[in-house]
Structure formats: structure tokens, C-alpha cells
């Protein structure tokens, strides 16, 4: 495997998104107004990064079943994601998530079991990558520490805790990370705080850079080293489905960090990628391409920073031409 820009690891799902006019009620039937199928989970990260032109690798387990094969084919042949570090295993079902999208939000129903191989078993030596990203949780992620020691910028996200215990010990893994990218609900739950701003401050005690996404309220960021605090409003768009929007936001942050942009511009770019993604159904499917970004700039010519990004990093730009400002991601 040649050197990559980013390697991501986590659980991959097959996502089925159903757009509903109203919430379903017991004993009734609701007809979906639209639907989408695509890779989900950590694959949202991988697809969003690949569509932004980053050489992206994915370390994950796929079941040797129809859903797993469909997801693998989509990632490799349609999105250009490197699956060298991934494994296809017999006897384990690829997780399936049904996302019910209504009222500008979504509810998730998932069928699945924990994968039989951990990220540490998939990634036995640090990958040759400028950055790595993973969902942290109540499972070991020693490969993150190895990757950081090898010089990669380490990004971490965290998902919904089905037990709703929000064990604070999960945050101990942040000692191996440079950037933490939770959403507001996750950040407040893990830190036992009442506002996203309070959670941001608490998390900055554990990791050099924290970026908290907060849906239609925008995003917050705090650089623990410099004290720089950023608040970016959300773009007002006709949202239809927020499935995977947090992952797309995080991918935008990762890409903008590797391009060496200042913190405020990184957060604005992440907010823009997420805003575009919620205007259509699906998680990975909705991740914006450079054509989508160019179309946004055409409709919003006042955003000159986006014009510069399209010119420098869009189709035709030198691959891997930018480097991080420093190894903390700041």
C-alpha cells in the first residue's frame, strides 16, 4: 500500500435512508417520499475524504454477504477508497442501519453485532499516512498511539452510546489524539456539562484541538494551546436528511487541516460540506464532490475563500500538494 493522505478505521454499515413525511406511529403505515442506499458508519468519512481528492484508506471488517460485497464494490470501484487494510470474513453479517428521516432530523434502527476483529488487529503497524481518523469508544485503539508516534495527525470522533451511560473513561483515548470532533450531544453527555461551550472547554483539557458540531446552530472550536476559540454559524439550507452529516463535517475539517488552512477556515469548510450533505438523502451518498462545491460557489460568489480552495485543491490540482501546519493539526 503506497502512502495515503488519510487512513480511517471503524465500523462500516450498509445504510438505507427513508424520507418520511411524518414520524411513524405504532399500528399505522407511512409511505416514504424518497430513499437512498449507501455505505455508512466510518465509510461516510472515507467517501467524503475521497471525494475531496484525498488518497484515503479504510481499515474495517466486511461480512462475506450480499450487503458487504455491495458496500466493498461501491467503496473501491466507485469512490476510489483503498481497502488493503480491510478484511472480508465469513460467518459475520455486515451491519444494516435504517435511517428514518423526517422533520429535518433522523432516527436510526440498526441490526448488527460487534466485528470479530478490532482495529488493532487490522492495523498491526502504523499506516503510512499523513493523518488517521477513528471512532473511539469502549474498545482499545492502541493503533492511534502508534500512528501518532509515527508522525500522523490523529483525529477522533465518537458515536452514540446505545447504553446511554457515556462512560468518561472513553475520553482517556484522547491522550493519543490531536483533534477531537464530537457533536454537541455527545460532547455534553461525556463531559456531564449543560452547554456545548462548557463541553468544549472541558474537552480542551484532554486534547490539543476540539471541534464541536451543533447541527443548525453551527460549530465551535477551541485550540487548547493558543486559546483561540471559534464559533461558526451553520449555513441556512433546505435540509432533508442529517444522516452522516457529522461525519461529512469531520471529513471537511480533516481535509482543510491537511491543506494547512487557519482554524476558522477549517471550521467554515467543515460546516459547508455538512450543509451541502443535508440537502439530499443518504450519508456517504450525500457527501459533496468538487463539482458540488463549485456549484455552491457559483451560487454564492461572495465566498472567495471557497473559490481559492476549488482552484488549489479541486480537479487538476497537484495531489498531496499541501502539508499540515504542524503535527498537532493546529
Protein backbone atom coordinates (compact mmCIF):
# COMPACT_ATOMS: atom_id res chain seq x y z
CA UNK A 1 0.00 0.00 0.00
CA UNK A 2 1.50 3.35 -1.07
CA UNK A 3 1.47 6.35 1.23
CA UNK A 4 -2.01 7.74 1.75
CA UNK A 5 -3.29 11.08 2.91
CA UNK A 6 -5.70 9.61 5.46
CA UNK A 7 -6.44 6.17 6.91
CA UNK A 8 -9.74 5.76 8.76
CA UNK A 9 -10.94 2.83 10.85
CA UNK A 10 -14.23 1.90 12.44
CA UNK A 11 -17.47 0.06 11.85
CA UNK A 12 -18.97 0.06 8.35
CA UNK A 13 -22.71 -0.22 7.83
CA UNK A 14 -24.99 -0.60 4.84
CA UNK A 15 -27.33 2.39 5.18
CA UNK A 16 -30.91 2.51 3.96
CA UNK A 17 -32.38 6.00 4.35
CA UNK A 18 -36.13 6.55 4.09
CA UNK A 19 -37.51 10.07 3.80
CA UNK A 20 -40.79 10.25 5.69
CA UNK A 21 -43.47 12.97 5.74
CA UNK A 22 -44.15 12.31 9.45
CA UNK A 23 -42.84 10.14 12.25
CA UNK A 24 -44.15 6.56 12.15
CA UNK A 25 -46.67 5.56 14.81
CA UNK A 26 -47.47 2.04 16.06
CA UNK A 27 -50.30 0.42 14.14
CA UNK A 28 -50.02 2.74 11.15
CA UNK A 29 -48.21 2.73 7.80
CA UNK A 30 -46.15 5.63 6.45
CA UNK A 31 -45.10 5.78 2.80
CA UNK A 32 -41.59 7.11 2.23
CA UNK A 33 -41.30 10.09 -0.09
CA UNK A 34 -37.72 9.18 -1.08
CA UNK A 35 -34.96 6.72 -0.27
CA UNK A 36 -31.22 6.17 -0.65
CA UNK A 37 -28.79 3.30 -0.08
CA UNK A 38 -25.08 3.77 0.53
CA UNK A 39 -22.13 2.79 2.71
CA UNK A 40 -22.44 4.18 6.23
CA UNK A 41 -20.62 4.47 9.55
CA UNK A 42 -16.91 5.13 9.16
CA UNK A 43 -17.43 4.76 5.40
CA UNK A 44 -19.04 8.22 5.50
CA UNK A 45 -15.61 9.58 6.47
CA UNK A 46 -13.84 7.61 3.76
CA UNK A 47 -16.18 8.59 0.93
CA UNK A 48 -16.28 12.26 1.95
CA UNK A 49 -12.48 12.42 2.10
CA UNK A 50 -12.02 10.61 -1.22
CA UNK A 51 -14.48 12.95 -2.94
CA UNK A 52 -12.36 15.87 -1.76
CA UNK A 53 -9.39 14.37 -3.58
CA UNK A 54 -7.55 12.84 -0.62
CA UNK A 55 -5.94 9.43 -1.05
CA UNK A 56 -7.97 7.53 1.51
CA UNK A 57 -7.58 4.09 3.07
CA UNK A 58 -10.14 2.25 5.18
CA UNK A 59 -9.48 -0.45 7.78
CA UNK A 60 -12.73 -2.25 8.55
CA UNK A 61 -14.39 -5.66 8.65
CA UNK A 62 -16.93 -6.62 5.98
CA UNK A 63 -19.20 -9.60 6.18
CA UNK A 64 -18.94 -12.13 3.37
CA UNK A 65 -22.54 -11.42 2.42
CA UNK A 66 -24.51 -9.51 -0.19
CA UNK A 67 -24.56 -6.24 1.76
CA UNK A 68 -20.84 -6.42 2.49
CA UNK A 69 -19.96 -7.14 -1.12
CA UNK A 70 -22.13 -4.28 -2.34
CA UNK A 71 -20.50 -1.86 0.09
CA UNK A 72 -16.98 -3.03 -0.80
CA UNK A 73 -17.68 -2.69 -4.53
CA UNK A 74 -19.07 0.79 -4.04
CA UNK A 75 -16.08 1.94 -1.98
CA UNK A 76 -13.39 0.53 -4.26
CA UNK A 77 -14.80 0.88 -7.77
CA UNK A 78 -16.96 3.98 -7.42
CA UNK A 79 -15.27 6.03 -4.68
CA UNK A 80 -11.62 5.00 -5.03
CA UNK A 81 -11.11 4.05 -1.37
CA UNK A 82 -8.14 1.75 -0.64
CA UNK A 83 -9.31 -1.35 1.28
CA UNK A 84 -5.89 -3.01 1.68
CA UNK A 85 -6.22 -2.91 5.48
CA UNK A 86 -9.78 -4.26 5.48
CA UNK A 87 -10.93 -7.88 5.82
CA UNK A 88 -13.87 -9.85 4.39
CA UNK A 89 -14.99 -12.51 6.88
CA UNK A 90 -17.33 -15.48 6.65
CA UNK A 91 -19.93 -16.02 9.35
CA UNK A 92 -20.46 -12.36 10.29
CA UNK A 93 -23.22 -10.15 8.95
CA UNK A 94 -22.46 -6.69 7.64
CA UNK A 95 -24.38 -4.28 9.93
CA UNK A 96 -27.50 -2.72 8.45
CA UNK A 97 -28.89 0.66 9.52
CA UNK A 98 -32.28 2.04 8.52
CA UNK A 99 -32.41 5.82 8.91
CA UNK A 100 -35.87 7.37 9.18
CA UNK A 101 -35.54 10.98 8.05
CA UNK A 102 -38.32 13.44 8.97
CA UNK A 103 -38.71 16.94 10.45
CA UNK A 104 -35.12 17.85 9.42
CA UNK A 105 -33.70 15.10 11.65
CA UNK A 106 -33.43 11.32 11.64
CA UNK A 107 -33.87 8.29 13.85
CA UNK A 108 -31.71 5.20 13.36
CA UNK A 109 -32.52 1.50 13.66
CA UNK A 110 -29.54 -0.86 13.38
CA UNK A 111 -29.15 -4.62 13.12
CA UNK A 112 -25.65 -5.81 13.85
CA UNK A 113 -23.10 -7.32 16.20
CA UNK A 114 -19.56 -6.20 17.15
CA UNK A 115 -16.98 -7.05 14.47
CA UNK A 116 -14.85 -10.15 15.15
CA UNK A 117 -11.62 -8.21 14.55
CA UNK A 118 -10.61 -4.96 16.25
CA UNK A 119 -8.85 -2.02 14.65
CA UNK A 120 -5.67 -3.03 16.49
CA UNK A 121 -5.86 -6.47 14.84
CA UNK A 122 -6.44 -4.92 11.40
CA UNK A 123 -3.71 -2.28 11.77
CA UNK A 124 -0.71 -4.03 13.32
CA UNK A 125 1.83 -1.41 12.25
CA UNK A 126 1.25 2.35 11.82
CA UNK A 127 -0.08 3.04 8.32
CA UNK A 128 1.94 5.28 6.04
CA UNK A 129 -0.46 8.21 6.15
CA UNK A 130 -0.33 11.93 6.84
CA UNK A 131 -3.38 11.59 9.08
CA UNK A 132 -5.52 8.88 10.66
CA UNK A 133 -9.07 9.03 11.98
CA UNK A 134 -11.22 6.71 14.06
CA UNK A 135 -14.39 6.45 16.11
CA UNK A 136 -13.29 5.98 19.72
CA UNK A 137 -15.40 4.08 22.24
CA UNK A 138 -15.25 1.37 24.93
CA UNK A 139 -12.77 -0.67 22.90
CA UNK A 140 -8.97 -0.47 22.53
CA UNK A 141 -7.42 1.81 19.91
CA UNK A 142 -3.71 1.33 20.53
CA UNK A 143 -3.03 1.83 16.82
CA UNK A 144 -3.79 5.53 17.32
CA UNK A 145 -0.89 5.92 19.75
CA UNK A 146 1.40 4.11 17.30
CA UNK A 147 0.24 6.34 14.45
CA UNK A 148 0.83 9.49 16.46
CA UNK A 149 4.34 8.31 17.38
CA UNK A 150 4.97 7.66 13.68
CA UNK A 151 4.09 11.27 12.82
CA UNK A 152 0.47 11.09 11.65
CA UNK A 153 -2.03 13.72 12.80
CA UNK A 154 -4.65 11.80 14.78
CA UNK A 155 -8.33 12.74 14.52
CA UNK A 156 -11.01 11.13 16.68
CA UNK A 157 -14.78 11.09 16.59
CA UNK A 158 -17.25 9.37 18.91
CA UNK A 159 -20.66 7.88 18.24
CA UNK A 160 -23.95 7.41 20.03
CA UNK A 161 -23.73 5.26 23.16
CA UNK A 162 -26.69 2.83 22.99
CA UNK A 163 -26.39 2.21 26.75
CA UNK A 164 -26.54 5.98 27.37
CA UNK A 165 -24.01 5.55 30.18
CA UNK A 166 -21.48 7.79 28.40
CA UNK A 167 -18.52 6.31 30.25
CA UNK A 168 -15.98 9.15 30.78
CA UNK A 169 -13.16 6.60 30.52
CA UNK A 170 -13.71 6.59 26.75
CA UNK A 171 -12.18 10.07 26.75
CA UNK A 172 -8.90 8.62 28.10
CA UNK A 173 -8.13 7.65 24.50
CA UNK A 174 -7.85 11.35 23.66
CA UNK A 175 -4.32 11.28 25.08
CA UNK A 176 -3.35 9.67 21.76
CA UNK A 177 -5.23 12.23 19.65
CA UNK A 178 -4.56 15.67 18.19
CA UNK A 179 -8.09 16.66 17.20
CA UNK A 180 -11.46 15.58 18.68
CA UNK A 181 -14.63 16.02 16.62
CA UNK A 182 -17.80 15.14 18.62
CA UNK A 183 -21.25 16.57 18.12
CA UNK A 184 -22.78 18.72 20.83
CA UNK A 185 -24.94 15.97 22.34
CA UNK A 186 -22.03 13.56 22.59
CA UNK A 187 -19.71 16.24 23.96
CA UNK A 188 -22.14 17.28 26.71
CA UNK A 189 -23.01 13.68 27.62
CA UNK A 190 -19.41 12.54 28.02
CA UNK A 191 -18.36 15.64 29.97
CA UNK A 192 -21.54 15.91 32.11
CA UNK A 193 -21.96 19.55 31.08
CA UNK A 194 -25.04 21.60 30.21
CA UNK A 195 -23.95 23.55 27.11
CA UNK A 196 -21.76 22.87 24.06
CA UNK A 197 -19.47 25.72 25.15
CA UNK A 198 -18.93 24.17 28.57
CA UNK A 199 -18.23 20.80 26.95
CA UNK A 200 -15.74 22.42 24.58
CA UNK A 201 -13.79 23.91 27.48
CA UNK A 202 -13.79 20.62 29.39
CA UNK A 203 -12.61 18.59 26.41
CA UNK A 204 -9.80 21.04 25.66
CA UNK A 205 -8.21 19.84 28.90
CA UNK A 206 -7.70 16.44 27.25
CA UNK A 207 -6.80 17.11 23.61
CA UNK A 208 -4.96 19.91 21.75
CA UNK A 209 -7.86 20.85 19.47
CA UNK A 210 -11.60 20.31 19.93
CA UNK A 211 -14.25 20.99 17.29
CA UNK A 212 -17.90 20.50 18.32
CA UNK A 213 -20.60 20.38 15.64
CA UNK A 214 -24.04 21.55 16.71
CA UNK A 215 -26.43 20.98 13.81
CA UNK A 216 -28.29 24.08 12.67
CA UNK A 217 -26.56 26.05 15.44
CA UNK A 218 -23.20 25.79 13.66
CA UNK A 219 -19.92 24.67 15.22
CA UNK A 220 -17.46 25.62 17.95
CA UNK A 221 -13.71 25.08 18.13
CA UNK A 222 -11.07 25.62 20.80
CA UNK A 223 -7.30 25.39 20.38
CA UNK A 224 -6.01 24.41 23.82
CA UNK A 225 -2.50 25.59 23.03
CA UNK A 226 -3.22 29.11 21.81
CA UNK A 227 -6.60 29.66 23.46
CA UNK A 228 -8.15 30.53 20.09
CA UNK A 229 -11.91 29.97 20.25
CA UNK A 230 -14.03 29.90 17.09
CA UNK A 231 -17.81 29.99 16.62
CA UNK A 232 -19.11 29.44 13.09
CA UNK A 233 -22.84 29.69 12.21
CA UNK A 234 -24.50 26.98 10.16
CA UNK A 235 -25.41 27.64 6.54
CA UNK A 236 -29.14 28.01 6.08
CA UNK A 237 -30.12 25.33 3.58
CA UNK A 238 -33.28 23.29 2.82
CA UNK A 239 -32.32 20.24 4.91
CA UNK A 240 -33.96 16.88 4.18
CA UNK A 241 -31.69 14.34 5.91
CA UNK A 242 -28.93 14.74 8.51
CA UNK A 243 -27.69 11.13 8.25
CA UNK A 244 -23.89 11.17 8.25
CA UNK A 245 -23.69 14.98 8.34
CA UNK A 246 -21.40 14.91 11.38
CA UNK A 247 -19.03 12.54 9.59
CA UNK A 248 -19.01 14.73 6.48
CA UNK A 249 -18.34 17.76 8.69
CA UNK A 250 -15.39 15.94 10.28
CA UNK A 251 -14.04 14.95 6.85
CA UNK A 252 -14.15 18.60 5.81
CA UNK A 253 -12.16 19.52 8.92
CA UNK A 254 -9.59 16.80 8.23
CA UNK A 255 -9.15 17.84 4.60
CA UNK A 256 -8.85 21.52 5.45
CA UNK A 257 -6.28 20.71 8.15
CA UNK A 258 -4.12 18.80 5.67
CA UNK A 259 -4.39 21.78 3.31
CA UNK A 260 -2.90 23.97 6.03
CA UNK A 261 -5.85 26.34 6.46
CA UNK A 262 -6.28 28.53 9.56
CA UNK A 263 -8.63 27.18 12.23
CA UNK A 264 -11.57 29.45 11.38
CA UNK A 265 -11.42 28.47 7.69
CA UNK A 266 -11.22 24.79 8.59
CA UNK A 267 -14.40 25.03 10.65
CA UNK A 268 -16.17 27.05 7.94
CA UNK A 269 -15.25 24.48 5.32
CA UNK A 270 -16.47 21.63 7.52
CA UNK A 271 -19.74 23.48 8.08
CA UNK A 272 -20.15 23.96 4.33
CA UNK A 273 -19.55 20.30 3.47
CA UNK A 274 -22.10 19.28 6.12
CA UNK A 275 -24.63 21.86 4.89
CA UNK A 276 -24.45 20.53 1.34
CA UNK A 277 -24.80 16.95 2.57
CA UNK A 278 -28.08 17.54 4.45
CA UNK A 279 -29.80 18.84 1.32
CA UNK A 280 -30.12 15.28 -0.04
CA UNK A 281 -30.75 11.80 1.27
CA UNK A 282 -28.03 9.44 2.40
CA UNK A 283 -24.81 9.69 4.40
CA UNK A 284 -21.88 8.79 2.15
CA UNK A 285 -24.05 9.35 -0.91
CA UNK A 286 -24.68 12.94 0.14
CA UNK A 287 -21.03 13.87 0.70
CA UNK A 288 -20.16 16.76 -1.64
CA UNK A 289 -17.83 16.48 -4.60
CA UNK A 290 -15.75 19.33 -6.00
CA UNK A 291 -18.47 19.82 -8.60
CA UNK A 292 -20.94 20.39 -5.75
CA UNK A 293 -18.57 22.88 -4.12
CA UNK A 294 -18.03 24.68 -7.42
CA UNK A 295 -21.82 24.90 -7.87
CA UNK A 296 -22.15 26.34 -4.36
CA UNK A 297 -19.52 28.96 -5.15
CA UNK A 298 -21.34 29.82 -8.38
CA UNK A 299 -24.49 30.48 -6.35
CA UNK A 300 -22.56 32.24 -3.55
CA UNK A 301 -19.79 34.21 -5.30
CA UNK A 302 -19.19 36.26 -2.17
CA UNK A 303 -17.35 33.27 -0.67
CA UNK A 304 -13.95 33.95 -2.22
CA UNK A 305 -12.11 31.55 0.08
CA UNK A 306 -14.04 28.68 -1.49
CA UNK A 307 -13.01 29.84 -4.96
CA UNK A 308 -9.38 29.61 -3.89
CA UNK A 309 -9.92 26.12 -2.48
CA UNK A 310 -11.54 24.89 -5.68
CA UNK A 311 -8.67 26.28 -7.71
CA UNK A 312 -5.94 24.88 -5.46
CA UNK A 313 -7.35 21.51 -4.41
CA UNK A 314 -10.12 20.68 -6.88
CA UNK A 315 -9.77 18.54 -10.03
CA UNK A 316 -6.44 19.15 -11.73
CA UNK A 317 -4.65 20.36 -8.58
CA UNK A 318 -1.40 18.59 -7.63
CA UNK A 319 -2.19 15.60 -5.39
CA UNK A 320 -0.85 15.94 -1.86
CA UNK A 321 0.49 19.43 -2.55
CA UNK A 322 -0.32 20.80 0.90
CA UNK A 323 1.01 19.73 4.30
CA UNK A 324 -0.30 20.30 7.81
CA UNK A 325 0.86 23.45 9.59
CA UNK A 326 2.21 21.26 12.40
CA UNK A 327 1.75 17.79 13.83
CA UNK A 328 -0.92 18.91 16.32
CA UNK A 329 -3.27 19.82 13.47
CA UNK A 330 -3.26 23.46 14.61
